[in-house]
Amino acid sequence: MAFAGLRHIWYPTIGSDGNVKIAINFGDEEFACKEAQGYGIGSSEKRFIEKGAVFSEGSSDKHQEN
């Protein structure tokens, strides 16, 4: 068993576009399964990624993605 004592029901969602690109949803975006809404480990703030920069909703701060 990898983890014990988790307090949430986890619905891992991994998407693949070809054999090099992988999209992983940790709850920052809407899940495909409605039952999984609200169970992600992502932040509660909406984050927007634009050309290598991350913006948090309601913030003018811009952080560079590596």
PDB file of N, CA and C in Angstrom:
ATOM      1  N   MET A   1       0.851  -1.167   0.000  1.00  0.00           N
ATOM      2  CA  MET A   1       0.000   0.000   0.000  1.00  0.00           C
ATOM      3  C   MET A   1       0.903   1.237   0.000  1.00  0.00           C
ATOM      4  N   ALA A   2       0.667   2.131  -0.934  1.00  0.00           N
ATOM      5  CA  ALA A   2       1.491   3.333  -1.065  1.00  0.00           C
ATOM      6  C   ALA A   2       1.167   4.373   0.001  1.00  0.00           C
ATOM      7  N   PHE A   3      -0.111   4.566   0.315  1.00  0.00           N
ATOM      8  CA  PHE A   3      -0.527   5.573   1.285  1.00  0.00           C
ATOM      9  C   PHE A   3      -1.556   4.973   2.231  1.00  0.00           C
ATOM     10  N   ALA A   4      -1.541   5.422   3.466  1.00  0.00           N
ATOM     11  CA  ALA A   4      -2.540   4.974   4.442  1.00  0.00           C
ATOM     12  C   ALA A   4      -3.104   6.186   5.161  1.00  0.00           C
ATOM     13  N   GLY A   5      -4.347   6.117   5.568  1.00  0.00           N
ATOM     14  CA  GLY A   5      -4.946   7.184   6.353  1.00  0.00           C
ATOM     15  C   GLY A   5      -5.390   8.397   5.557  1.00  0.00           C
ATOM     16  N   LEU A   6      -5.553   8.275   4.253  1.00  0.00           N
ATOM     17  CA  LEU A   6      -6.018   9.409   3.457  1.00  0.00           C
ATOM     18  C   LEU A   6      -7.471   9.702   3.797  1.00  0.00           C
ATOM     19  N   ARG A   7      -7.826  10.972   3.866  1.00  0.00           N
ATOM     20  CA  ARG A   7      -9.168  11.370   4.271  1.00  0.00           C
ATOM     21  C   ARG A   7     -10.105  11.640   3.100  1.00  0.00           C
ATOM     22  N   HIS A   8      -9.646  11.431   1.889  1.00  0.00           N
ATOM     23  CA  HIS A   8     -10.462  11.725   0.715  1.00  0.00           C
ATOM     24  C   HIS A   8     -10.549  10.506  -0.184  1.00  0.00           C
ATOM     25  N   ILE A   9     -11.585  10.466  -0.986  1.00  0.00           N
ATOM     26  CA  ILE A   9     -11.676   9.485  -2.061  1.00  0.00           C
ATOM     27  C   ILE A   9     -10.943  10.101  -3.246  1.00  0.00           C
ATOM     28  N   TRP A  10      -9.953   9.423  -3.781  1.00  0.00           N
ATOM     29  CA  TRP A  10      -9.132   9.970  -4.860  1.00  0.00           C
ATOM     30  C   TRP A  10      -9.564   9.389  -6.196  1.00  0.00           C
ATOM     31  N   TYR A  11      -9.682  10.240  -7.181  1.00  0.00           N
ATOM     32  CA  TYR A  11     -10.009   9.855  -8.551  1.00  0.00           C
ATOM     33  C   TYR A  11      -8.867  10.316  -9.450  1.00  0.00           C
ATOM     34  N   PRO A  12      -7.788   9.548  -9.543  1.00  0.00           N
ATOM     35  CA  PRO A  12      -6.666   9.975 -10.383  1.00  0.00           C
ATOM     36  C   PRO A  12      -7.101  10.108 -11.837  1.00  0.00           C
ATOM     37  N   THR A  13      -6.695  11.193 -12.460  1.00  0.00           N
ATOM     38  CA  THR A  13      -7.047  11.453 -13.846  1.00  0.00           C
ATOM     39  C   THR A  13      -5.775  11.757 -14.620  1.00  0.00           C
ATOM     40  N   ILE A  14      -5.412  10.886 -15.528  1.00  0.00           N
ATOM     41  CA  ILE A  14      -4.204  11.086 -16.331  1.00  0.00           C
ATOM     42  C   ILE A  14      -4.597  10.966 -17.790  1.00  0.00           C
ATOM     43  N   GLY A  15      -4.255  11.987 -18.575  1.00  0.00           N
ATOM     44  CA  GLY A  15      -4.545  11.969 -20.000  1.00  0.00           C
ATOM     45  C   GLY A  15      -3.256  11.953 -20.799  1.00  0.00           C
ATOM     46  N   SER A  16      -3.278  11.354 -21.951  1.00  0.00           N
ATOM     47  CA  SER A  16      -2.086  11.272 -22.783  1.00  0.00           C
ATOM     48  C   SER A  16      -2.399  11.739 -24.196  1.00  0.00           C
ATOM     49  N   ASP A  17      -1.493  12.518 -24.761  1.00  0.00           N
ATOM     50  CA  ASP A  17      -1.605  12.985 -26.137  1.00  0.00           C
ATOM     51  C   ASP A  17      -0.353  12.503 -26.861  1.00  0.00           C
ATOM     52  N   GLY A  18      -0.405  11.330 -27.406  1.00  0.00           N
ATOM     53  CA  GLY A  18       0.779  10.749 -28.021  1.00  0.00           C
ATOM     54  C   GLY A  18       1.603  10.034 -26.969  1.00  0.00           C
ATOM     55  N   ASN A  19       2.854   9.781 -27.279  1.00  0.00           N
ATOM     56  CA  ASN A  19       3.685   9.064 -26.324  1.00  0.00           C
ATOM     57  C   ASN A  19       4.717   9.951 -25.634  1.00  0.00           C
ATOM     58  N   VAL A  20       4.574  11.274 -25.713  1.00  0.00           N
ATOM     59  CA  VAL A  20       5.488  12.171 -25.008  1.00  0.00           C
ATOM     60  C   VAL A  20       4.783  13.185 -24.123  1.00  0.00           C
ATOM     61  N   LYS A  21       3.606  13.600 -24.478  1.00  0.00           N
ATOM     62  CA  LYS A  21       2.901  14.621 -23.711  1.00  0.00           C
ATOM     63  C   LYS A  21       1.909  13.961 -22.759  1.00  0.00           C
ATOM     64  N   ILE A  22       1.958  14.347 -21.491  1.00  0.00           N
ATOM     65  CA  ILE A  22       1.024  13.815 -20.503  1.00  0.00           C
ATOM     66  C   ILE A  22       0.405  14.980 -19.748  1.00  0.00           C
ATOM     67  N   ALA A  23      -0.913  14.972 -19.624  1.00  0.00           N
ATOM     68  CA  ALA A  23      -1.630  15.973 -18.830  1.00  0.00           C
ATOM     69  C   ALA A  23      -2.133  15.295 -17.563  1.00  0.00           C
ATOM     70  N   ILE A  24      -1.795  15.867 -16.409  1.00  0.00           N
ATOM     71  CA  ILE A  24      -2.223  15.310 -15.131  1.00  0.00           C
ATOM     72  C   ILE A  24      -3.045  16.356 -14.401  1.00  0.00           C
ATOM     73  N   ASN A  25      -4.210  15.974 -13.936  1.00  0.00           N
ATOM     74  CA  ASN A  25      -5.115  16.886 -13.241  1.00  0.00           C
ATOM     75  C   ASN A  25      -5.117  16.562 -11.754  1.00  0.00           C
ATOM     76  N   PHE A  26      -4.544  17.444 -10.936  1.00  0.00           N
ATOM     77  CA  PHE A  26      -4.531  17.276  -9.490  1.00  0.00           C
ATOM     78  C   PHE A  26      -5.626  18.100  -8.822  1.00  0.00           C
ATOM     79  N   GLY A  27      -6.621  18.504  -9.581  1.00  0.00           N
ATOM     80  CA  GLY A  27      -7.745  19.237  -9.012  1.00  0.00           C
ATOM     81  C   GLY A  27      -7.741  20.720  -9.307  1.00  0.00           C
ATOM     82  N   ASP A  28      -6.737  21.217 -10.012  1.00  0.00           N
ATOM     83  CA  ASP A  28      -6.716  22.631 -10.382  1.00  0.00           C
ATOM     84  C   ASP A  28      -7.752  22.939 -11.457  1.00  0.00           C
ATOM     85  N   GLU A  29      -8.153  21.925 -12.214  1.00  0.00           N
ATOM     86  CA  GLU A  29      -9.155  22.094 -13.258  1.00  0.00           C
ATOM     87  C   GLU A  29     -10.318  21.152 -12.986  1.00  0.00           C
ATOM     88  N   GLU A  30     -11.437  21.371 -13.653  1.00  0.00           N
ATOM     89  CA  GLU A  30     -12.619  20.539 -13.458  1.00  0.00           C
ATOM     90  C   GLU A  30     -12.333  19.102 -13.874  1.00  0.00           C
ATOM     91  N   PHE A  31     -12.737  18.161 -13.035  1.00  0.00           N
ATOM     92  CA  PHE A  31     -12.562  16.747 -13.349  1.00  0.00           C
ATOM     93  C   PHE A  31     -13.622  16.288 -14.344  1.00  0.00           C
ATOM     94  N   ALA A  32     -13.301  15.279 -15.133  1.00  0.00           N
ATOM     95  CA  ALA A  32     -14.257  14.712 -16.079  1.00  0.00           C
ATOM     96  C   ALA A  32     -15.396  14.012 -15.342  1.00  0.00           C
ATOM     97  N   CYS A  33     -15.105  13.388 -14.207  1.00  0.00           N
ATOM     98  CA  CYS A  33     -16.126  12.704 -13.392  1.00  0.00           C
ATOM     99  C   CYS A  33     -16.672  13.683 -12.367  1.00  0.00           C
ATOM    100  N   LYS A  34     -17.945  14.002 -12.457  1.00  0.00           N
ATOM    101  CA  LYS A  34     -18.567  14.986 -11.555  1.00  0.00           C
ATOM    102  C   LYS A  34     -18.426  14.584 -10.090  1.00  0.00           C
ATOM    103  N   GLU A  35     -18.407  13.274  -9.789  1.00  0.00           N
ATOM    104  CA  GLU A  35     -18.296  12.810  -8.410  1.00  0.00           C
ATOM    105  C   GLU A  35     -16.971  13.210  -7.769  1.00  0.00           C
ATOM    106  N   ALA A  36     -15.965  13.504  -8.581  1.00  0.00           N
ATOM    107  CA  ALA A  36     -14.641  13.841  -8.065  1.00  0.00           C
ATOM    108  C   ALA A  36     -14.483  15.325  -7.740  1.00  0.00           C
ATOM    109  N   GLN A  37     -15.458  16.152  -8.077  1.00  0.00           N
ATOM    110  CA  GLN A  37     -15.350  17.598  -7.836  1.00  0.00           C
ATOM    111  C   GLN A  37     -15.119  17.874  -6.352  1.00  0.00           C
ATOM    112  N   GLY A  38     -14.162  18.736  -6.051  1.00  0.00           N
ATOM    113  CA  GLY A  38     -13.889  19.121  -4.672  1.00  0.00           C
ATOM    114  C   GLY A  38     -12.902  18.226  -3.948  1.00  0.00           C
ATOM    115  N   TYR A  39     -12.399  17.176  -4.611  1.00  0.00           N
ATOM    116  CA  TYR A  39     -11.480  16.263  -3.957  1.00  0.00           C
ATOM    117  C   TYR A  39     -10.040  16.406  -4.425  1.00  0.00           C
ATOM    118  N   GLY A  40      -9.728  17.375  -5.277  1.00  0.00           N
ATOM    119  CA  GLY A  40      -8.375  17.532  -5.785  1.00  0.00           C
ATOM    120  C   GLY A  40      -7.431  18.090  -4.739  1.00  0.00           C
ATOM    121  N   ILE A  41      -6.135  17.831  -4.915  1.00  0.00           N
ATOM    122  CA  ILE A  41      -5.147  18.369  -3.993  1.00  0.00           C
ATOM    123  C   ILE A  41      -4.639  19.727  -4.449  1.00  0.00           C
ATOM    124  N   GLY A  42      -5.092  20.192  -5.616  1.00  0.00           N
ATOM    125  CA  GLY A  42      -4.680  21.496  -6.135  1.00  0.00           C
ATOM    126  C   GLY A  42      -5.183  22.620  -5.248  1.00  0.00           C
ATOM    127  N   SER A  43      -4.645  23.801  -5.443  1.00  0.00           N
ATOM    128  CA  SER A  43      -5.047  24.936  -4.614  1.00  0.00           C
ATOM    129  C   SER A  43      -6.490  25.313  -4.897  1.00  0.00           C
ATOM    130  N   SER A  44      -7.105  25.983  -3.938  1.00  0.00           N
ATOM    131  CA  SER A  44      -8.484  26.412  -4.125  1.00  0.00           C
ATOM    132  C   SER A  44      -8.569  27.626  -5.042  1.00  0.00           C
ATOM    133  N   GLU A  45      -7.433  28.321  -5.240  1.00  0.00           N
ATOM    134  CA  GLU A  45      -7.405  29.461  -6.158  1.00  0.00           C
ATOM    135  C   GLU A  45      -7.356  28.949  -7.585  1.00  0.00           C
ATOM    136  N   LYS A  46      -8.019  29.652  -8.477  1.00  0.00           N
ATOM    137  CA  LYS A  46      -7.901  29.306  -9.888  1.00  0.00           C
ATOM    138  C   LYS A  46      -6.560  29.822 -10.381  1.00  0.00           C
ATOM    139  N   ARG A  47      -5.842  28.985 -11.098  1.00  0.00           N
ATOM    140  CA  ARG A  47      -4.552  29.379 -11.653  1.00  0.00           C
ATOM    141  C   ARG A  47      -4.639  29.334 -13.165  1.00  0.00           C
ATOM    142  N   PHE A  48      -4.004  30.301 -13.772  1.00  0.00           N
ATOM    143  CA  PHE A  48      -4.005  30.386 -15.221  1.00  0.00           C
ATOM    144  C   PHE A  48      -2.559  30.332 -15.696  1.00  0.00           C
ATOM    145  N   ILE A  49      -2.270  29.451 -16.633  1.00  0.00           N
ATOM    146  CA  ILE A  49      -0.921  29.343 -17.172  1.00  0.00           C
ATOM    147  C   ILE A  49      -0.929  29.923 -18.577  1.00  0.00           C
ATOM    148  N   GLU A  50      -0.076  30.909 -18.791  1.00  0.00           N
ATOM    149  CA  GLU A  50      -0.018  31.583 -20.083  1.00  0.00           C
ATOM    150  C   GLU A  50       1.432  31.751 -20.496  1.00  0.00           C
ATOM    151  N   LYS A  51       1.838  31.046 -21.535  1.00  0.00           N
ATOM    152  CA  LYS A  51       3.181  31.153 -22.109  1.00  0.00           C
ATOM    153  C   LYS A  51       4.269  31.104 -21.046  1.00  0.00           C
ATOM    154  N   GLY A  52       4.242  30.084 -20.185  1.00  0.00           N
ATOM    155  CA  GLY A  52       5.296  29.899 -19.204  1.00  0.00           C
ATOM    156  C   GLY A  52       5.149  30.703 -17.935  1.00  0.00           C
ATOM    157  N   ALA A  53       4.072  31.462 -17.773  1.00  0.00           N
ATOM    158  CA  ALA A  53       3.865  32.247 -16.553  1.00  0.00           C
ATOM    159  C   ALA A  53       2.599  31.760 -15.858  1.00  0.00           C
ATOM    160  N   VAL A  54       2.600  31.801 -14.536  1.00  0.00           N
ATOM    161  CA  VAL A  54       1.438  31.370 -13.757  1.00  0.00           C
ATOM    162  C   VAL A  54       0.794  32.585 -13.122  1.00  0.00           C
ATOM    163  N   PHE A  55      -0.506  32.737 -13.290  1.00  0.00           N
ATOM    164  CA  PHE A  55      -1.261  33.825 -12.685  1.00  0.00           C
ATOM    165  C   PHE A  55      -2.267  33.220 -11.720  1.00  0.00           C
ATOM    166  N   SER A  56      -2.400  33.793 -10.539  1.00  0.00           N
ATOM    167  CA  SER A  56      -3.461  33.393  -9.620  1.00  0.00           C
ATOM    168  C   SER A  56      -4.603  34.372  -9.784  1.00  0.00           C
ATOM    169  N   GLU A  57      -5.829  33.866  -9.772  1.00  0.00           N
ATOM    170  CA  GLU A  57      -6.994  34.724  -9.945  1.00  0.00           C
ATOM    171  C   GLU A  57      -7.012  35.781  -8.847  1.00  0.00           C
ATOM    172  N   GLY A  58      -7.240  37.033  -9.215  1.00  0.00           N
ATOM    173  CA  GLY A  58      -7.292  38.131  -8.257  1.00  0.00           C
ATOM    174  C   GLY A  58      -5.929  38.663  -7.875  1.00  0.00           C
ATOM    175  N   SER A  59      -4.897  38.206  -8.553  1.00  0.00           N
ATOM    176  CA  SER A  59      -3.541  38.652  -8.247  1.00  0.00           C
ATOM    177  C   SER A  59      -2.892  39.199  -9.504  1.00  0.00           C
ATOM    178  N   SER A  60      -2.125  40.260  -9.340  1.00  0.00           N
ATOM    179  CA  SER A  60      -1.395  40.799 -10.482  1.00  0.00           C
ATOM    180  C   SER A  60       0.019  40.230 -10.528  1.00  0.00           C
ATOM    181  N   ASP A  61       0.358  39.395  -9.518  1.00  0.00           N
ATOM    182  CA  ASP A  61       1.686  38.788  -9.481  1.00  0.00           C
ATOM    183  C   ASP A  61       1.818  37.764 -10.598  1.00  0.00           C
ATOM    184  N   LYS A  62       2.999  37.709 -11.155  1.00  0.00           N
ATOM    185  CA  LYS A  62       3.278  36.799 -12.251  1.00  0.00           C
ATOM    186  C   LYS A  62       4.517  35.996 -11.865  1.00  0.00           C
ATOM    187  N   HIS A  63       4.413  34.678 -11.866  1.00  0.00           N
ATOM    188  CA  HIS A  63       5.531  33.815 -11.508  1.00  0.00           C
ATOM    189  C   HIS A  63       5.957  33.040 -12.736  1.00  0.00           C
ATOM    190  N   GLN A  64       7.252  32.985 -12.984  1.00  0.00           N
ATOM    191  CA  GLN A  64       7.770  32.291 -14.155  1.00  0.00           C
ATOM    192  C   GLN A  64       7.794  30.792 -13.902  1.00  0.00           C
ATOM    193  N   GLU A  65       7.253  30.009 -14.835  1.00  0.00           N
ATOM    194  CA  GLU A  65       7.299  28.558 -14.771  1.00  0.00           C
ATOM    195  C   GLU A  65       8.634  28.095 -15.318  1.00  0.00           C
ATOM    196  N   ASN A  66       9.187  27.041 -14.749  1.00  0.00           N
ATOM    197  CA  ASN A  66      10.428  26.454 -15.267  1.00  0.00           C
ATOM    198  C   ASN A  66      10.136  25.218 -16.053  1.00  0.00           C
TER     199      ASN A  66
END
